[in-house]
Amino acid sequence: MRWTVDTPEDLAFVRYIYDTLGHDRFSWREALALLEEHPEWLAVNRDIQQKVI
């Protein structure tokens, strides 16, 4: 999984988590637990290619 916010799609993904939890002080474990409940959220940035350095 990519845990960066490089694109508008990444931001939309993070907003799903933030809007559900209602705060920005969550752990990666809390985010993973939400993704287990809402695997469809992963589709929002699934097709984004990571930038090559």
PDB file of N, CA and C in Angstrom:
ATOM      1  N   MET A   1       0.827  -1.181   0.000  1.00  0.00           N
ATOM      2  CA  MET A   1       0.000   0.000   0.000  1.00  0.00           C
ATOM      3  C   MET A   1       0.872   1.246   0.000  1.00  0.00           C
ATOM      4  N   ARG A   2       0.406   2.241  -0.722  1.00  0.00           N
ATOM      5  CA  ARG A   2       1.076   3.548  -0.711  1.00  0.00           C
ATOM      6  C   ARG A   2       0.441   4.399   0.373  1.00  0.00           C
ATOM      7  N   TRP A   3       1.255   5.038   1.161  1.00  0.00           N
ATOM      8  CA  TRP A   3       0.751   5.890   2.231  1.00  0.00           C
ATOM      9  C   TRP A   3       1.263   7.318   2.033  1.00  0.00           C
ATOM     10  N   THR A   4       1.070   7.832   0.824  1.00  0.00           N
ATOM     11  CA  THR A   4       1.447   9.203   0.513  1.00  0.00           C
ATOM     12  C   THR A   4       0.239   9.916  -0.079  1.00  0.00           C
ATOM     13  N   VAL A   5       0.323  11.242  -0.088  1.00  0.00           N
ATOM     14  CA  VAL A   5      -0.733  12.038  -0.718  1.00  0.00           C
ATOM     15  C   VAL A   5      -0.064  12.881  -1.798  1.00  0.00           C
ATOM     16  N   ASP A   6       0.022  12.291  -2.996  1.00  0.00           N
ATOM     17  CA  ASP A   6       0.675  12.933  -4.132  1.00  0.00           C
ATOM     18  C   ASP A   6      -0.308  13.399  -5.196  1.00  0.00           C
ATOM     19  N   THR A   7      -1.525  12.891  -5.154  1.00  0.00           N
ATOM     20  CA  THR A   7      -2.484  13.156  -6.222  1.00  0.00           C
ATOM     21  C   THR A   7      -3.856  13.471  -5.608  1.00  0.00           C
ATOM     22  N   PRO A   8      -4.737  14.054  -6.392  1.00  0.00           N
ATOM     23  CA  PRO A   8      -6.104  14.284  -5.900  1.00  0.00           C
ATOM     24  C   PRO A   8      -6.792  12.984  -5.476  1.00  0.00           C
ATOM     25  N   GLU A   9      -6.477  11.887  -6.140  1.00  0.00           N
ATOM     26  CA  GLU A   9      -7.059  10.591  -5.778  1.00  0.00           C
ATOM     27  C   GLU A   9      -6.567  10.138  -4.406  1.00  0.00           C
ATOM     28  N   ASP A  10      -5.300  10.368  -4.120  1.00  0.00           N
ATOM     29  CA  ASP A  10      -4.752  10.039  -2.802  1.00  0.00           C
ATOM     30  C   ASP A  10      -5.455  10.857  -1.720  1.00  0.00           C
ATOM     31  N   LEU A  11      -5.680  12.124  -2.004  1.00  0.00           N
ATOM     32  CA  LEU A  11      -6.359  12.988  -1.045  1.00  0.00           C
ATOM     33  C   LEU A  11      -7.790  12.506  -0.789  1.00  0.00           C
ATOM     34  N   ALA A  12      -8.473  12.095  -1.835  1.00  0.00           N
ATOM     35  CA  ALA A  12      -9.834  11.563  -1.679  1.00  0.00           C
ATOM     36  C   ALA A  12      -9.814  10.334  -0.779  1.00  0.00           C
ATOM     37  N   PHE A  13      -8.831   9.472  -0.962  1.00  0.00           N
ATOM     38  CA  PHE A  13      -8.682   8.266  -0.146  1.00  0.00           C
ATOM     39  C   PHE A  13      -8.508   8.618   1.333  1.00  0.00           C
ATOM     40  N   VAL A  14      -7.615   9.557   1.615  1.00  0.00           N
ATOM     41  CA  VAL A  14      -7.364   9.965   2.992  1.00  0.00           C
ATOM     42  C   VAL A  14      -8.612  10.619   3.591  1.00  0.00           C
ATOM     43  N   ARG A  15      -9.339  11.346   2.779  1.00  0.00           N
ATOM     44  CA  ARG A  15     -10.559  11.988   3.280  1.00  0.00           C
ATOM     45  C   ARG A  15     -11.614  10.967   3.688  1.00  0.00           C
ATOM     46  N   TYR A  16     -11.666   9.841   3.003  1.00  0.00           N
ATOM     47  CA  TYR A  16     -12.588   8.781   3.442  1.00  0.00           C
ATOM     48  C   TYR A  16     -12.285   8.395   4.884  1.00  0.00           C
ATOM     49  N   ILE A  17     -11.009   8.205   5.164  1.00  0.00           N
ATOM     50  CA  ILE A  17     -10.596   7.797   6.507  1.00  0.00           C
ATOM     51  C   ILE A  17     -10.877   8.914   7.509  1.00  0.00           C
ATOM     52  N   TYR A  18     -10.443  10.121   7.169  1.00  0.00           N
ATOM     53  CA  TYR A  18     -10.634  11.256   8.066  1.00  0.00           C
ATOM     54  C   TYR A  18     -12.115  11.502   8.345  1.00  0.00           C
ATOM     55  N   ASP A  19     -12.928  11.500   7.308  1.00  0.00           N
ATOM     56  CA  ASP A  19     -14.355  11.766   7.489  1.00  0.00           C
ATOM     57  C   ASP A  19     -15.023  10.696   8.349  1.00  0.00           C
ATOM     58  N   THR A  20     -14.567   9.469   8.235  1.00  0.00           N
ATOM     59  CA  THR A  20     -15.148   8.381   9.026  1.00  0.00           C
ATOM     60  C   THR A  20     -14.733   8.478  10.486  1.00  0.00           C
ATOM     61  N   LEU A  21     -13.449   8.761  10.728  1.00  0.00           N
ATOM     62  CA  LEU A  21     -12.956   8.842  12.104  1.00  0.00           C
ATOM     63  C   LEU A  21     -13.286  10.182  12.753  1.00  0.00           C
ATOM     64  N   GLY A  22     -13.368  11.232  11.947  1.00  0.00           N
ATOM     65  CA  GLY A  22     -13.713  12.546  12.472  1.00  0.00           C
ATOM     66  C   GLY A  22     -12.568  13.312  13.107  1.00  0.00           C
ATOM     67  N   HIS A  23     -11.352  12.806  12.948  1.00  0.00           N
ATOM     68  CA  HIS A  23     -10.173  13.497  13.487  1.00  0.00           C
ATOM     69  C   HIS A  23      -8.946  13.056  12.703  1.00  0.00           C
ATOM     70  N   ASP A  24      -7.836  13.768  12.903  1.00  0.00           N
ATOM     71  CA  ASP A  24      -6.627  13.463  12.130  1.00  0.00           C
ATOM     72  C   ASP A  24      -5.527  12.800  12.957  1.00  0.00           C
ATOM     73  N   ARG A  25      -5.852  12.363  14.137  1.00  0.00           N
ATOM     74  CA  ARG A  25      -4.851  11.711  14.986  1.00  0.00           C
ATOM     75  C   ARG A  25      -5.139  10.220  15.070  1.00  0.00           C
ATOM     76  N   PHE A  26      -5.042   9.562  13.910  1.00  0.00           N
ATOM     77  CA  PHE A  26      -5.305   8.129  13.870  1.00  0.00           C
ATOM     78  C   PHE A  26      -4.025   7.388  13.508  1.00  0.00           C
ATOM     79  N   SER A  27      -3.958   6.152  13.915  1.00  0.00           N
ATOM     80  CA  SER A  27      -2.787   5.330  13.623  1.00  0.00           C
ATOM     81  C   SER A  27      -2.989   4.565  12.316  1.00  0.00           C
ATOM     82  N   TRP A  28      -1.914   4.039  11.806  1.00  0.00           N
ATOM     83  CA  TRP A  28      -2.021   3.232  10.588  1.00  0.00           C
ATOM     84  C   TRP A  28      -2.855   1.987  10.858  1.00  0.00           C
ATOM     85  N   ARG A  29      -2.833   1.504  12.087  1.00  0.00           N
ATOM     86  CA  ARG A  29      -3.645   0.334  12.420  1.00  0.00           C
ATOM     87  C   ARG A  29      -5.138   0.649  12.345  1.00  0.00           C
ATOM     88  N   GLU A  30      -5.498   1.843  12.801  1.00  0.00           N
ATOM     89  CA  GLU A  30      -6.901   2.261  12.686  1.00  0.00           C
ATOM     90  C   GLU A  30      -7.302   2.388  11.219  1.00  0.00           C
ATOM     91  N   ALA A  31      -6.405   2.926  10.409  1.00  0.00           N
ATOM     92  CA  ALA A  31      -6.691   3.053   8.972  1.00  0.00           C
ATOM     93  C   ALA A  31      -6.866   1.672   8.339  1.00  0.00           C
ATOM     94  N   LEU A  32      -6.004   0.728   8.681  1.00  0.00           N
ATOM     95  CA  LEU A  32      -6.132  -0.625   8.133  1.00  0.00           C
ATOM     96  C   LEU A  32      -7.439  -1.283   8.568  1.00  0.00           C
ATOM     97  N   ALA A  33      -7.845  -1.060   9.808  1.00  0.00           N
ATOM     98  CA  ALA A  33      -9.105  -1.628  10.283  1.00  0.00           C
ATOM     99  C   ALA A  33     -10.279  -1.085   9.474  1.00  0.00           C
ATOM    100  N   LEU A  34     -10.232   0.215   9.156  1.00  0.00           N
ATOM    101  CA  LEU A  34     -11.293   0.786   8.325  1.00  0.00           C
ATOM    102  C   LEU A  34     -11.289   0.186   6.921  1.00  0.00           C
ATOM    103  N   LEU A  35     -10.100  -0.061   6.388  1.00  0.00           N
ATOM    104  CA  LEU A  35     -10.007  -0.639   5.045  1.00  0.00           C
ATOM    105  C   LEU A  35     -10.529  -2.064   5.010  1.00  0.00           C
ATOM    106  N   GLU A  36     -10.426  -2.768   6.115  1.00  0.00           N
ATOM    107  CA  GLU A  36     -11.021  -4.098   6.182  1.00  0.00           C
ATOM    108  C   GLU A  36     -12.546  -3.999   6.115  1.00  0.00           C
ATOM    109  N   GLU A  37     -13.087  -2.934   6.697  1.00  0.00           N
ATOM    110  CA  GLU A  37     -14.532  -2.711   6.664  1.00  0.00           C
ATOM    111  C   GLU A  37     -14.998  -2.131   5.331  1.00  0.00           C
ATOM    112  N   HIS A  38     -14.114  -1.364   4.668  1.00  0.00           N
ATOM    113  CA  HIS A  38     -14.463  -0.652   3.431  1.00  0.00           C
ATOM    114  C   HIS A  38     -13.401  -0.890   2.345  1.00  0.00           C
ATOM    115  N   PRO A  39     -13.228  -2.111   1.878  1.00  0.00           N
ATOM    116  CA  PRO A  39     -12.187  -2.375   0.875  1.00  0.00           C
ATOM    117  C   PRO A  39     -12.412  -1.623  -0.443  1.00  0.00           C
ATOM    118  N   GLU A  40     -13.635  -1.192  -0.702  1.00  0.00           N
ATOM    119  CA  GLU A  40     -13.922  -0.450  -1.929  1.00  0.00           C
ATOM    120  C   GLU A  40     -13.200   0.899  -1.968  1.00  0.00           C
ATOM    121  N   TRP A  41     -12.795   1.418  -0.823  1.00  0.00           N
ATOM    122  CA  TRP A  41     -12.067   2.683  -0.794  1.00  0.00           C
ATOM    123  C   TRP A  41     -10.732   2.586  -1.521  1.00  0.00           C
ATOM    124  N   LEU A  42     -10.152   1.416  -1.562  1.00  0.00           N
ATOM    125  CA  LEU A  42      -8.861   1.233  -2.221  1.00  0.00           C
ATOM    126  C   LEU A  42      -8.937   1.482  -3.726  1.00  0.00           C
ATOM    127  N   ALA A  43     -10.123   1.413  -4.294  1.00  0.00           N
ATOM    128  CA  ALA A  43     -10.275   1.605  -5.733  1.00  0.00           C
ATOM    129  C   ALA A  43     -10.036   3.047  -6.166  1.00  0.00           C
ATOM    130  N   VAL A  44     -10.161   4.009  -5.248  1.00  0.00           N
ATOM    131  CA  VAL A  44     -10.066   5.419  -5.623  1.00  0.00           C
ATOM    132  C   VAL A  44      -8.695   5.776  -6.199  1.00  0.00           C
ATOM    133  N   ASN A  45      -7.634   5.162  -5.726  1.00  0.00           N
ATOM    134  CA  ASN A  45      -6.300   5.474  -6.264  1.00  0.00           C
ATOM    135  C   ASN A  45      -5.557   4.233  -6.754  1.00  0.00           C
ATOM    136  N   ARG A  46      -6.283   3.193  -7.023  1.00  0.00           N
ATOM    137  CA  ARG A  46      -5.695   1.929  -7.457  1.00  0.00           C
ATOM    138  C   ARG A  46      -4.891   2.050  -8.757  1.00  0.00           C
ATOM    139  N   ASP A  47      -5.338   2.890  -9.666  1.00  0.00           N
ATOM    140  CA  ASP A  47      -4.697   2.980 -10.976  1.00  0.00           C
ATOM    141  C   ASP A  47      -3.590   4.046 -11.042  1.00  0.00           C
ATOM    142  N   ILE A  48      -3.301   4.692  -9.949  1.00  0.00           N
ATOM    143  CA  ILE A  48      -2.255   5.709  -9.929  1.00  0.00           C
ATOM    144  C   ILE A  48      -0.897   5.018  -9.883  1.00  0.00           C
ATOM    145  N   GLN A  49      -0.039   5.383 -10.806  1.00  0.00           N
ATOM    146  CA  GLN A  49       1.313   4.819 -10.853  1.00  0.00           C
ATOM    147  C   GLN A  49       2.233   5.633  -9.946  1.00  0.00           C
ATOM    148  N   GLN A  50       3.007   4.947  -9.135  1.00  0.00           N
ATOM    149  CA  GLN A  50       3.961   5.631  -8.279  1.00  0.00           C
ATOM    150  C   GLN A  50       5.027   6.275  -9.146  1.00  0.00           C
ATOM    151  N   LYS A  51       5.427   7.490  -8.775  1.00  0.00           N
ATOM    152  CA  LYS A  51       6.450   8.208  -9.530  1.00  0.00           C
ATOM    153  C   LYS A  51       7.799   7.524  -9.350  1.00  0.00           C
ATOM    154  N   VAL A  52       8.542   7.448 -10.440  1.00  0.00           N
ATOM    155  CA  VAL A  52       9.866   6.847 -10.404  1.00  0.00           C
ATOM    156  C   VAL A  52      10.894   7.939 -10.092  1.00  0.00           C
ATOM    157  N   ILE A  53      11.815   7.609  -9.213  1.00  0.00           N
ATOM    158  CA  ILE A  53      12.846   8.579  -8.832  1.00  0.00           C
ATOM    159  C   ILE A  53      14.027   8.438  -9.755  1.00  0.00           C
TER     160      ILE A  53
END
